[in-house]
PDB file of N, CA and C in Angstrom:
ATOM      1  N   UNK A   1      70.364  62.186  72.400  1.00  0.00           N
ATOM      2  CA  UNK A   1      71.131  62.887  71.388  1.00  0.00           C
ATOM      3  C   UNK A   1      70.702  64.357  71.376  1.00  0.00           C
ATOM      4  N   UNK A   2      71.700  65.286  71.424  1.00  0.00           N
ATOM      5  CA  UNK A   2      71.352  66.705  71.462  1.00  0.00           C
ATOM      6  C   UNK A   2      70.723  67.165  70.154  1.00  0.00           C
ATOM      7  N   UNK A   3      69.725  67.998  70.289  1.00  0.00           N
ATOM      8  CA  UNK A   3      69.064  68.557  69.114  1.00  0.00           C
ATOM      9  C   UNK A   3      69.682  69.911  68.798  1.00  0.00           C
ATOM     10  N   UNK A   4      69.314  70.461  67.645  1.00  0.00           N
ATOM     11  CA  UNK A   4      69.793  71.786  67.259  1.00  0.00           C
ATOM     12  C   UNK A   4      69.391  72.812  68.311  1.00  0.00           C
ATOM     13  N   UNK A   5      68.171  72.685  68.789  1.00  0.00           N
ATOM     14  CA  UNK A   5      67.697  73.607  69.824  1.00  0.00           C
ATOM     15  C   UNK A   5      68.565  73.489  71.058  1.00  0.00           C
ATOM     16  N   UNK A   6      68.895  72.289  71.466  1.00  0.00           N
ATOM     17  CA  UNK A   6      69.721  72.084  72.645  1.00  0.00           C
ATOM     18  C   UNK A   6      71.123  72.651  72.433  1.00  0.00           C
ATOM     19  N   UNK A   7      71.663  72.494  71.217  1.00  0.00           N
ATOM     20  CA  UNK A   7      72.984  73.051  70.923  1.00  0.00           C
ATOM     21  C   UNK A   7      72.970  74.570  71.011  1.00  0.00           C
ATOM     22  N   UNK A   8      71.941  75.195  70.467  1.00  0.00           N
ATOM     23  CA  UNK A   8      71.816  76.648  70.534  1.00  0.00           C
ATOM     24  C   UNK A   8      71.618  77.098  71.972  1.00  0.00           C
ATOM     25  N   UNK A   9      70.822  76.366  72.689  1.00  0.00           N
ATOM     26  CA  UNK A   9      70.550  76.688  74.084  1.00  0.00           C
ATOM     27  C   UNK A   9      71.823  76.576  74.903  1.00  0.00           C
ATOM     28  N   UNK A  10      72.540  75.497  74.716  1.00  0.00           N
ATOM     29  CA  UNK A  10      73.796  75.290  75.440  1.00  0.00           C
ATOM     30  C   UNK A  10      74.790  76.397  75.118  1.00  0.00           C
ATOM     31  N   UNK A  11      74.914  76.761  73.850  1.00  0.00           N
ATOM     32  CA  UNK A  11      75.822  77.839  73.444  1.00  0.00           C
ATOM     33  C   UNK A  11      75.408  79.166  74.078  1.00  0.00           C
ATOM     34  N   UNK A  12      74.113  79.417  74.107  1.00  0.00           N
ATOM     35  CA  UNK A  12      73.600  80.651  74.705  1.00  0.00           C
ATOM     36  C   UNK A  12      73.917  80.696  76.194  1.00  0.00           C
ATOM     37  N   UNK A  13      73.669  79.600  76.884  1.00  0.00           N
ATOM     38  CA  UNK A  13      73.922  79.550  78.327  1.00  0.00           C
ATOM     39  C   UNK A  13      75.407  79.727  78.609  1.00  0.00           C
ATOM     40  N   UNK A  14      76.261  79.084  77.812  1.00  0.00           N
ATOM     41  CA  UNK A  14      77.711  79.249  77.996  1.00  0.00           C
ATOM     42  C   UNK A  14      78.132  80.702  77.769  1.00  0.00           C
ATOM     43  N   UNK A  15      77.571  81.311  76.739  1.00  0.00           N
ATOM     44  CA  UNK A  15      77.879  82.707  76.448  1.00  0.00           C
ATOM     45  C   UNK A  15      77.446  83.616  77.592  1.00  0.00           C
ATOM     46  N   UNK A  16      76.237  83.399  78.092  1.00  0.00           N
ATOM     47  CA  UNK A  16      75.736  84.207  79.207  1.00  0.00           C
ATOM     48  C   UNK A  16      76.544  83.954  80.479  1.00  0.00           C
ATOM     49  N   UNK A  17      77.007  82.740  80.660  1.00  0.00           N
ATOM     50  CA  UNK A  17      77.842  82.424  81.823  1.00  0.00           C
ATOM     51  C   UNK A  17      79.167  83.185  81.747  1.00  0.00           C
ATOM     52  N   UNK A  18      79.738  83.291  80.542  1.00  0.00           N
ATOM     53  CA  UNK A  18      80.969  84.078  80.375  1.00  0.00           C
ATOM     54  C   UNK A  18      80.700  85.551  80.690  1.00  0.00           C
ATOM     55  N   UNK A  19      79.549  86.049  80.222  1.00  0.00           N
ATOM     56  CA  UNK A  19      79.164  87.434  80.537  1.00  0.00           C
ATOM     57  C   UNK A  19      79.055  87.630  82.045  1.00  0.00           C
ATOM     58  N   UNK A  20      78.410  86.702  82.717  1.00  0.00           N
ATOM     59  CA  UNK A  20      78.244  86.789  84.165  1.00  0.00           C
ATOM     60  C   UNK A  20      79.590  86.767  84.875  1.00  0.00           C
ATOM     61  N   UNK A  21      80.472  85.884  84.453  1.00  0.00           N
ATOM     62  CA  UNK A  21      81.792  85.772  85.083  1.00  0.00           C
ATOM     63  C   UNK A  21      82.578  87.066  84.917  1.00  0.00           C
ATOM     64  N   UNK A  22      82.621  87.613  83.680  1.00  0.00           N
ATOM     65  CA  UNK A  22      83.358  88.858  83.435  1.00  0.00           C
ATOM     66  C   UNK A  22      82.746  90.033  84.195  1.00  0.00           C
ATOM     67  N   UNK A  23      81.432  90.137  84.166  1.00  0.00           N
ATOM     68  CA  UNK A  23      80.763  91.259  84.827  1.00  0.00           C
ATOM     69  C   UNK A  23      80.930  91.186  86.341  1.00  0.00           C
ATOM     70  N   UNK A  24      80.825  89.995  86.910  1.00  0.00           N
ATOM     71  CA  UNK A  24      80.989  89.829  88.348  1.00  0.00           C
ATOM     72  C   UNK A  24      82.397  90.251  88.777  1.00  0.00           C
ATOM     73  N   UNK A  25      83.398  89.825  88.024  1.00  0.00           N
ATOM     74  CA  UNK A  25      84.775  90.188  88.344  1.00  0.00           C
ATOM     75  C   UNK A  25      84.987  91.695  88.222  1.00  0.00           C
ATOM     76  N   UNK A  26      84.425  92.294  87.180  1.00  0.00           N
ATOM     77  CA  UNK A  26      84.576  93.737  86.978  1.00  0.00           C
ATOM     78  C   UNK A  26      83.903  94.529  88.099  1.00  0.00           C
ATOM     79  N   UNK A  27      82.729  94.097  88.513  1.00  0.00           N
ATOM     80  CA  UNK A  27      82.025  94.785  89.594  1.00  0.00           C
ATOM     81  C   UNK A  27      82.812  94.671  90.895  1.00  0.00           C
ATOM     82  N   UNK A  28      83.382  93.519  91.163  1.00  0.00           N
ATOM     83  CA  UNK A  28      84.203  93.353  92.370  1.00  0.00           C
ATOM     84  C   UNK A  28      85.419  94.265  92.327  1.00  0.00           C
ATOM     85  N   UNK A  29      86.089  94.341  91.163  1.00  0.00           N
ATOM     86  CA  UNK A  29      87.263  95.217  91.039  1.00  0.00           C
ATOM     87  C   UNK A  29      86.873  96.679  91.209  1.00  0.00           C
ATOM     88  N   UNK A  30      85.755  97.075  90.618  1.00  0.00           N
ATOM     89  CA  UNK A  30      85.293  98.449  90.746  1.00  0.00           C
ATOM     90  C   UNK A  30      84.922  98.763  92.186  1.00  0.00           C
ATOM     91  N   UNK A  31      84.284  97.840  92.869  1.00  0.00           N
ATOM     92  CA  UNK A  31      83.923  98.042  94.261  1.00  0.00           C
ATOM     93  C   UNK A  31      85.176  98.255  95.113  1.00  0.00           C
ATOM     94  N   UNK A  32      86.202  97.455  94.870  1.00  0.00           N
ATOM     95  CA  UNK A  32      87.465  97.609  95.598  1.00  0.00           C
ATOM     96  C   UNK A  32      88.104  98.958  95.271  1.00  0.00           C
ATOM     97  N   UNK A  33      88.091  99.324  93.993  1.00  0.00           N
ATOM     98  CA  UNK A  33      88.651 100.614  93.582  1.00  0.00           C
ATOM     99  C   UNK A  33      87.896 101.768  94.240  1.00  0.00           C
ATOM    100  N   UNK A  34      86.585 101.667  94.321  1.00  0.00           N
ATOM    101  CA  UNK A  34      85.802 102.721  94.974  1.00  0.00           C
ATOM    102  C   UNK A  34      86.091 102.790  96.469  1.00  0.00           C
ATOM    103  N   UNK A  35      86.290 101.641  97.094  1.00  0.00           N
ATOM    104  CA  UNK A  35      86.687 101.631  98.512  1.00  0.00           C
ATOM    105  C   UNK A  35      88.005 102.378  98.685  1.00  0.00           C
ATOM    106  N   UNK A  36      88.966 102.097  97.809  1.00  0.00           N
ATOM    107  CA  UNK A  36      90.271 102.767  97.875  1.00  0.00           C
ATOM    108  C   UNK A  36      90.125 104.262  97.613  1.00  0.00           C
ATOM    109  N   UNK A  37      89.284 104.616  96.664  1.00  0.00           N
ATOM    110  CA  UNK A  37      89.049 106.017  96.333  1.00  0.00           C
ATOM    111  C   UNK A  37      88.403 106.755  97.507  1.00  0.00           C
ATOM    112  N   UNK A  38      87.422 106.135  98.114  1.00  0.00           N
ATOM    113  CA  UNK A  38      86.773 106.744  99.277  1.00  0.00           C
ATOM    114  C   UNK A  38      87.768 106.950 100.413  1.00  0.00           C
ATOM    115  N   UNK A  39      88.724 106.050 100.542  1.00  0.00           N
ATOM    116  CA  UNK A  39      89.705 106.129 101.628  1.00  0.00           C
ATOM    117  C   UNK A  39      90.671 107.307 101.463  1.00  0.00           C
ATOM    118  N   UNK A  40      90.803 107.843 100.253  1.00  0.00           N
ATOM    119  CA  UNK A  40      91.737 108.956 100.042  1.00  0.00           C
ATOM    120  C   UNK A  40      91.034 110.298  99.857  1.00  0.00           C
ATOM    121  N   UNK A  41      89.751 110.373 100.147  1.00  0.00           N
ATOM    122  CA  UNK A  41      89.029 111.631  99.979  1.00  0.00           C
ATOM    123  C   UNK A  41      89.610 112.749 100.839  1.00  0.00           C
ATOM    124  N   UNK A  42      90.035 112.451 102.050  1.00  0.00           N
ATOM    125  CA  UNK A  42      90.643 113.474 102.903  1.00  0.00           C
ATOM    126  C   UNK A  42      91.966 113.956 102.303  1.00  0.00           C
ATOM    127  N   UNK A  43      92.719 113.032 101.688  1.00  0.00           N
ATOM    128  CA  UNK A  43      93.972 113.410 101.034  1.00  0.00           C
ATOM    129  C   UNK A  43      93.704 114.347  99.861  1.00  0.00           C
ATOM    130  N   UNK A  44      92.695 114.035  99.074  1.00  0.00           N
ATOM    131  CA  UNK A  44      92.346 114.873  97.930  1.00  0.00           C
ATOM    132  C   UNK A  44      91.914 116.255  98.402  1.00  0.00           C
ATOM    133  N   UNK A  45      91.097 116.303  99.439  1.00  0.00           N
ATOM    134  CA  UNK A  45      90.654 117.594  99.980  1.00  0.00           C
ATOM    135  C   UNK A  45      91.838 118.404 100.491  1.00  0.00           C
ATOM    136  N   UNK A  46      92.782 117.746 101.153  1.00  0.00           N
ATOM    137  CA  UNK A  46      93.974 118.437 101.654  1.00  0.00           C
ATOM    138  C   UNK A  46      94.804 118.990 100.499  1.00  0.00           C
ATOM    139  N   UNK A  47      94.964 118.203  99.433  1.00  0.00           N
ATOM    140  CA  UNK A  47      95.715 118.678  98.265  1.00  0.00           C
ATOM    141  C   UNK A  47      95.022 119.857  97.603  1.00  0.00           C
ATOM    142  N   UNK A  48      93.702 119.794  97.478  1.00  0.00           N
ATOM    143  CA  UNK A  48      92.952 120.902  96.874  1.00  0.00           C
ATOM    144  C   UNK A  48      93.140 122.183  97.678  1.00  0.00           C
ATOM    145  N   UNK A  49      93.143 122.062  98.990  1.00  0.00           N
ATOM    146  CA  UNK A  49      93.295 123.240  99.851  1.00  0.00           C
ATOM    147  C   UNK A  49      94.726 123.776  99.789  1.00  0.00           C
ATOM    148  N   UNK A  50      95.710 122.873  99.737  1.00  0.00           N
ATOM    149  CA  UNK A  50      97.123 123.257  99.746  1.00  0.00           C
ATOM    150  C   UNK A  50      97.561 123.861  98.413  1.00  0.00           C
ATOM    151  N   UNK A  51      97.118 123.245  97.308  1.00  0.00           N
ATOM    152  CA  UNK A  51      97.579 123.646  95.980  1.00  0.00           C
ATOM    153  C   UNK A  51      97.207 125.094  95.695  1.00  0.00           C
ATOM    154  N   UNK A  52      98.198 125.904  95.420  1.00  0.00           N
ATOM    155  CA  UNK A  52      97.975 127.313  95.103  1.00  0.00           C
ATOM    156  C   UNK A  52      97.812 128.211  96.319  1.00  0.00           C
ATOM    157  N   UNK A  53      97.862 127.625  97.519  1.00  0.00           N
ATOM    158  CA  UNK A  53      97.710 128.430  98.739  1.00  0.00           C
ATOM    159  C   UNK A  53      99.005 129.199  99.030  1.00  0.00           C
ATOM    160  N   UNK A  54      98.941 130.089 100.011  1.00  0.00           N
ATOM    161  CA  UNK A  54     100.138 130.818 100.435  1.00  0.00           C
ATOM    162  C   UNK A  54     101.216 129.851 100.924  1.00  0.00           C
ATOM    163  N   UNK A  55     100.809 128.811 101.639  1.00  0.00           N
ATOM    164  CA  UNK A  55     101.788 127.825 102.113  1.00  0.00           C
ATOM    165  C   UNK A  55     102.456 127.105 100.942  1.00  0.00           C
ATOM    166  N   UNK A  56     101.671 126.740  99.951  1.00  0.00           N
ATOM    167  CA  UNK A  56     102.229 126.077  98.766  1.00  0.00           C
ATOM    168  C   UNK A  56     103.213 127.007  98.056  1.00  0.00           C
ATOM    169  N   UNK A  57     102.834 128.281  97.901  1.00  0.00           N
ATOM    170  CA  UNK A  57     103.719 129.242  97.245  1.00  0.00           C
ATOM    171  C   UNK A  57     105.022 129.412  98.025  1.00  0.00           C
ATOM    172  N   UNK A  58     104.928 129.443  99.343  1.00  0.00           N
ATOM    173  CA  UNK A  58     106.145 129.566 100.158  1.00  0.00           C
ATOM    174  C   UNK A  58     107.014 128.319 100.025  1.00  0.00           C
ATOM    175  N   UNK A  59     106.388 127.161 100.054  1.00  0.00           N
ATOM    176  CA  UNK A  59     107.142 125.911  99.892  1.00  0.00           C
ATOM    177  C   UNK A  59     107.817 125.868  98.528  1.00  0.00           C
ATOM    178  N   UNK A  60     107.129 126.309  97.490  1.00  0.00           N
ATOM    179  CA  UNK A  60     107.698 126.347  96.146  1.00  0.00           C
ATOM    180  C   UNK A  60     108.874 127.323  96.093  1.00  0.00           C
ATOM    181  N   UNK A  61     108.701 128.495  96.672  1.00  0.00           N
ATOM    182  CA  UNK A  61     109.786 129.484  96.684  1.00  0.00           C
ATOM    183  C   UNK A  61     111.003 128.935  97.427  1.00  0.00           C
ATOM    184  N   UNK A  62     110.769 128.272  98.555  1.00  0.00           N
ATOM    185  CA  UNK A  62     111.885 127.689  99.300  1.00  0.00           C
ATOM    186  C   UNK A  62     112.564 126.581  98.506  1.00  0.00           C
ATOM    187  N   UNK A  63     111.792 125.828  97.753  1.00  0.00           N
ATOM    188  CA  UNK A  63     112.374 124.797  96.897  1.00  0.00           C
ATOM    189  C   UNK A  63     113.237 125.437  95.822  1.00  0.00           C
ATOM    190  N   UNK A  64     112.713 126.460  95.185  1.00  0.00           N
ATOM    191  CA  UNK A  64     113.462 127.140  94.130  1.00  0.00           C
ATOM    192  C   UNK A  64     114.722 127.813  94.674  1.00  0.00           C
ATOM    193  N   UNK A  65     114.714 128.194  95.949  1.00  0.00           N
ATOM    194  CA  UNK A  65     115.887 128.802  96.593  1.00  0.00           C
ATOM    195  C   UNK A  65     116.815 127.741  97.181  1.00  0.00           C
ATOM    196  N   UNK A  66     116.521 126.466  96.927  1.00  0.00           N
ATOM    197  CA  UNK A  66     117.334 125.341  97.407  1.00  0.00           C
ATOM    198  C   UNK A  66     117.405 125.297  98.935  1.00  0.00           C
ATOM    199  N   UNK A  67     116.312 125.645  99.582  1.00  0.00           N
ATOM    200  CA  UNK A  67     116.265 125.630 101.040  1.00  0.00           C
ATOM    201  C   UNK A  67     115.693 124.333 101.609  1.00  0.00           C
ATOM    202  N   UNK A  68     115.190 123.463 100.740  1.00  0.00           N
ATOM    203  CA  UNK A  68     114.604 122.202 101.194  1.00  0.00           C
ATOM    204  C   UNK A  68     115.661 121.100 101.168  1.00  0.00           C
ATOM    205  N   UNK A  69     115.494 120.094 102.003  1.00  0.00           N
ATOM    206  CA  UNK A  69     116.499 119.021 102.091  1.00  0.00           C
ATOM    207  C   UNK A  69     116.641 118.254 100.767  1.00  0.00           C
ATOM    208  N   UNK A  70     117.872 117.850 100.479  1.00  0.00           N
ATOM    209  CA  UNK A  70     118.117 116.987  99.330  1.00  0.00           C
ATOM    210  C   UNK A  70     117.371 115.675  99.544  1.00  0.00           C
ATOM    211  N   UNK A  71     116.885 115.109  98.482  1.00  0.00           N
ATOM    212  CA  UNK A  71     116.200 113.827  98.561  1.00  0.00           C
ATOM    213  C   UNK A  71     114.741 113.910  98.976  1.00  0.00           C
ATOM    214  N   UNK A  72     114.267 115.106  99.307  1.00  0.00           N
ATOM    215  CA  UNK A  72     112.862 115.274  99.680  1.00  0.00           C
ATOM    216  C   UNK A  72     112.000 115.165  98.429  1.00  0.00           C
ATOM    217  N   UNK A  73     111.041 114.240  98.454  1.00  0.00           N
ATOM    218  CA  UNK A  73     110.103 114.167  97.327  1.00  0.00           C
ATOM    219  C   UNK A  73     109.304 115.461  97.313  1.00  0.00           C
ATOM    220  N   UNK A  74     109.194 116.045  96.121  1.00  0.00           N
ATOM    221  CA  UNK A  74     108.516 117.333  96.037  1.00  0.00           C
ATOM    222  C   UNK A  74     107.613 117.438  94.805  1.00  0.00           C
ATOM    223  N   UNK A  75     107.062 116.301  94.406  1.00  0.00           N
ATOM    224  CA  UNK A  75     106.136 116.311  93.279  1.00  0.00           C
ATOM    225  C   UNK A  75     104.945 117.222  93.516  1.00  0.00           C
ATOM    226  N   UNK A  76     104.576 117.365  94.764  1.00  0.00           N
ATOM    227  CA  UNK A  76     103.429 118.212  95.113  1.00  0.00           C
ATOM    228  C   UNK A  76     103.716 119.688  94.811  1.00  0.00           C
ATOM    229  N   UNK A  77     104.989 120.025  94.669  1.00  0.00           N
ATOM    230  CA  UNK A  77     105.331 121.410  94.356  1.00  0.00           C
ATOM    231  C   UNK A  77     105.338 121.681  92.855  1.00  0.00           C
ATOM    232  N   UNK A  78     105.306 120.632  92.072  1.00  0.00           N
ATOM    233  CA  UNK A  78     105.202 120.844  90.627  1.00  0.00           C
ATOM    234  C   UNK A  78     103.756 121.201  90.326  1.00  0.00           C
ATOM    235  N   UNK A  79     103.582 122.187  89.501  1.00  0.00           N
ATOM    236  CA  UNK A  79     102.216 122.603  89.191  1.00  0.00           C
ATOM    237  C   UNK A  79     101.468 121.514  88.445  1.00  0.00           C
ATOM    238  N   UNK A  80     102.175 120.747  87.635  1.00  0.00           N
ATOM    239  CA  UNK A  80     101.515 119.742  86.809  1.00  0.00           C
ATOM    240  C   UNK A  80     100.972 118.561  87.601  1.00  0.00           C
ATOM    241  N   UNK A  81     101.694 118.090  88.596  1.00  0.00           N
ATOM    242  CA  UNK A  81     101.290 116.869  89.304  1.00  0.00           C
ATOM    243  C   UNK A  81      99.920 117.017  89.967  1.00  0.00           C
ATOM    244  N   UNK A  82      99.748 118.052  90.742  1.00  0.00           N
ATOM    245  CA  UNK A  82      98.471 118.251  91.440  1.00  0.00           C
ATOM    246  C   UNK A  82      97.383 118.650  90.441  1.00  0.00           C
ATOM    247  N   UNK A  83      97.730 119.519  89.509  1.00  0.00           N
ATOM    248  CA  UNK A  83      96.750 119.941  88.488  1.00  0.00           C
ATOM    249  C   UNK A  83      96.241 118.729  87.713  1.00  0.00           C
ATOM    250  N   UNK A  84      97.163 117.853  87.292  1.00  0.00           N
ATOM    251  CA  UNK A  84      96.762 116.662  86.543  1.00  0.00           C
ATOM    252  C   UNK A  84      95.870 115.752  87.379  1.00  0.00           C
ATOM    253  N   UNK A  85      96.213 115.586  88.651  1.00  0.00           N
ATOM    254  CA  UNK A  85      95.371 114.768  89.533  1.00  0.00           C
ATOM    255  C   UNK A  85      93.965 115.346  89.621  1.00  0.00           C
ATOM    256  N   UNK A  86      93.863 116.633  89.862  1.00  0.00           N
ATOM    257  CA  UNK A  86      92.549 117.262  90.017  1.00  0.00           C
ATOM    258  C   UNK A  86      91.765 117.243  88.703  1.00  0.00           C
ATOM    259  N   UNK A  87      92.464 117.395  87.581  1.00  0.00           N
ATOM    260  CA  UNK A  87      91.807 117.303  86.269  1.00  0.00           C
ATOM    261  C   UNK A  87      91.311 115.884  86.029  1.00  0.00           C
ATOM    262  N   UNK A  88      92.152 114.891  86.321  1.00  0.00           N
ATOM    263  CA  UNK A  88      91.737 113.493  86.178  1.00  0.00           C
ATOM    264  C   UNK A  88      90.542 113.184  87.070  1.00  0.00           C
ATOM    265  N   UNK A  89      90.551 113.725  88.272  1.00  0.00           N
ATOM    266  CA  UNK A  89      89.441 113.527  89.200  1.00  0.00           C
ATOM    267  C   UNK A  89      88.152 114.118  88.642  1.00  0.00           C
ATOM    268  N   UNK A  90      88.252 115.329  88.098  1.00  0.00           N
ATOM    269  CA  UNK A  90      87.067 115.968  87.498  1.00  0.00           C
ATOM    270  C   UNK A  90      86.546 115.141  86.325  1.00  0.00           C
ATOM    271  N   UNK A  91      87.454 114.677  85.474  1.00  0.00           N
ATOM    272  CA  UNK A  91      87.049 113.865  84.318  1.00  0.00           C
ATOM    273  C   UNK A  91      86.413 112.550  84.764  1.00  0.00           C
ATOM    274  N   UNK A  92      86.972 111.942  85.790  1.00  0.00           N
ATOM    275  CA  UNK A  92      86.426 110.693  86.311  1.00  0.00           C
ATOM    276  C   UNK A  92      85.040 110.907  86.903  1.00  0.00           C
ATOM    277  N   UNK A  93      84.879 111.985  87.628  1.00  0.00           N
ATOM    278  CA  UNK A  93      83.577 112.302  88.214  1.00  0.00           C
ATOM    279  C   UNK A  93      82.532 112.501  87.116  1.00  0.00           C
ATOM    280  N   UNK A  94      82.909 113.221  86.062  1.00  0.00           N
ATOM    281  CA  UNK A  94      82.003 113.412  84.928  1.00  0.00           C
ATOM    282  C   UNK A  94      81.658 112.087  84.289  1.00  0.00           C
ATOM    283  N   UNK A  95      82.662 111.244  84.104  1.00  0.00           N
ATOM    284  CA  UNK A  95      82.437 109.930  83.493  1.00  0.00           C
ATOM    285  C   UNK A  95      81.489 109.082  84.346  1.00  0.00           C
ATOM    286  N   UNK A  96      81.695 109.087  85.648  1.00  0.00           N
ATOM    287  CA  UNK A  96      80.824 108.295  86.532  1.00  0.00           C
ATOM    288  C   UNK A  96      79.397 108.813  86.484  1.00  0.00           C
ATOM    289  N   UNK A  97      79.211 110.108  86.461  1.00  0.00           N
ATOM    290  CA  UNK A  97      77.852 110.679  86.407  1.00  0.00           C
ATOM    291  C   UNK A  97      77.178 110.382  85.082  1.00  0.00           C
ATOM    292  N   UNK A  98      77.960 110.374  84.001  1.00  0.00           N
ATOM    293  CA  UNK A  98      77.389 110.092  82.676  1.00  0.00           C
ATOM    294  C   UNK A  98      76.998 108.618  82.523  1.00  0.00           C
ATOM    295  N   UNK A  99      77.573 107.749  83.329  1.00  0.00           N
ATOM    296  CA  UNK A  99      77.284 106.318  83.233  1.00  0.00           C
ATOM    297  C   UNK A  99      76.172 105.875  84.183  1.00  0.00           C
ATOM    298  N   UNK A 100      75.530 106.807  84.848  1.00  0.00           N
ATOM    299  CA  UNK A 100      74.457 106.413  85.778  1.00  0.00           C
ATOM    300  C   UNK A 100      73.166 106.184  85.052  1.00  0.00           C
TER     301      UNK A 100
END
Protein backbone atom coordinates (compact mmCIF):
# COMPACT_ATOMS: atom_id res chain seq x y z
CA UNK A 1 0.00 0.00 0.00
CA UNK A 2 1.45 3.39 -1.01
CA UNK A 3 2.41 5.71 1.80
CA UNK A 4 2.12 9.49 1.87
CA UNK A 5 5.84 9.67 1.22
CA UNK A 6 5.49 7.40 -1.80
CA UNK A 7 2.60 9.51 -3.13
CA UNK A 8 4.65 12.69 -2.80
CA UNK A 9 7.65 10.99 -4.33
CA UNK A 10 5.63 9.66 -7.24
CA UNK A 11 4.08 13.10 -7.85
CA UNK A 12 7.52 14.71 -7.73
CA UNK A 13 8.99 12.21 -10.18
CA UNK A 14 6.04 12.66 -12.56
CA UNK A 15 6.43 16.43 -12.36
CA UNK A 16 10.16 16.24 -13.04
CA UNK A 17 9.52 13.84 -15.92
CA UNK A 18 7.17 16.41 -17.49
CA UNK A 19 9.89 19.05 -17.03
CA UNK A 20 12.41 16.76 -18.71
CA UNK A 21 10.08 16.00 -21.62
CA UNK A 22 9.28 19.70 -22.25
CA UNK A 23 12.89 20.82 -21.88
CA UNK A 24 14.23 18.06 -24.12
CA UNK A 25 11.75 18.96 -26.86
CA UNK A 26 12.53 22.67 -26.54
CA UNK A 27 16.28 22.08 -26.74
CA UNK A 28 15.83 19.94 -29.86
CA UNK A 29 13.68 22.64 -31.50
CA UNK A 30 16.19 25.33 -30.60
CA UNK A 31 19.06 23.23 -31.93
CA UNK A 32 17.22 22.81 -35.24
CA UNK A 33 16.43 26.54 -35.34
CA UNK A 34 20.09 27.37 -34.72
CA UNK A 35 21.13 25.00 -37.52
CA UNK A 36 18.73 26.83 -39.85
CA UNK A 37 19.99 30.20 -38.62
CA UNK A 38 23.62 29.22 -39.17
CA UNK A 39 22.72 28.10 -42.70
CA UNK A 40 21.53 31.61 -43.65
CA UNK A 41 24.47 33.60 -42.27
CA UNK A 42 25.83 34.21 -45.78
CA UNK A 43 22.39 35.47 -46.84
CA UNK A 44 22.28 37.87 -43.89
CA UNK A 45 25.78 39.14 -44.67
CA UNK A 46 24.81 39.67 -48.32
CA UNK A 47 21.69 41.62 -47.29
CA UNK A 48 23.70 43.77 -44.87
CA UNK A 49 26.18 44.61 -47.63
CA UNK A 50 23.47 45.26 -50.25
CA UNK A 51 21.08 47.31 -48.10
CA UNK A 52 21.79 51.00 -48.56
CA UNK A 53 24.58 50.38 -51.07
CA UNK A 54 24.88 52.13 -54.44
CA UNK A 55 23.50 49.00 -56.10
CA UNK A 56 20.50 48.97 -53.78
CA UNK A 57 19.86 52.66 -54.46
CA UNK A 58 20.03 52.06 -58.21
CA UNK A 59 17.69 49.08 -57.96
CA UNK A 60 15.26 51.18 -55.90
CA UNK A 61 15.42 54.05 -58.40
CA UNK A 62 14.77 51.64 -61.27
CA UNK A 63 11.83 50.19 -59.38
CA UNK A 64 10.39 53.64 -58.76
CA UNK A 65 10.85 54.42 -62.49
CA UNK A 66 8.91 51.21 -63.33
CA UNK A 67 11.92 49.73 -65.10
CA UNK A 68 11.76 46.36 -63.31
CA UNK A 69 9.68 43.44 -64.59
CA UNK A 70 6.09 43.08 -63.42
CA UNK A 71 5.67 40.31 -60.89
CA UNK A 72 9.24 40.60 -59.60
CA UNK A 73 9.31 40.22 -55.83
CA UNK A 74 10.94 43.35 -54.51
CA UNK A 75 10.54 43.27 -50.74
CA UNK A 76 14.28 43.75 -50.48
CA UNK A 77 13.82 47.21 -51.98
CA UNK A 78 11.47 48.31 -49.24
CA UNK A 79 13.41 50.04 -46.54
CA UNK A 80 11.32 48.42 -43.82
CA UNK A 81 11.78 44.75 -44.75
CA UNK A 82 15.56 44.62 -44.51
CA UNK A 83 15.70 47.14 -41.65
CA UNK A 84 13.20 45.08 -39.65
CA UNK A 85 15.16 41.89 -40.30
CA UNK A 86 18.43 43.46 -39.17
CA UNK A 87 16.74 45.01 -36.11
CA UNK A 88 15.17 41.66 -35.20
CA UNK A 89 18.57 40.02 -35.64
CA UNK A 90 20.21 42.57 -33.33
CA UNK A 91 17.48 42.08 -30.72
CA UNK A 92 17.79 38.30 -30.96
CA UNK A 93 21.55 38.47 -30.59
CA UNK A 94 21.15 40.64 -27.49
CA UNK A 95 18.58 38.24 -26.08
CA UNK A 96 20.83 35.22 -26.67
CA UNK A 97 23.79 36.93 -24.99
CA UNK A 98 21.66 37.96 -22.01
CA UNK A 99 20.52 34.36 -21.52
CA UNK A 100 24.03 32.90 -21.28
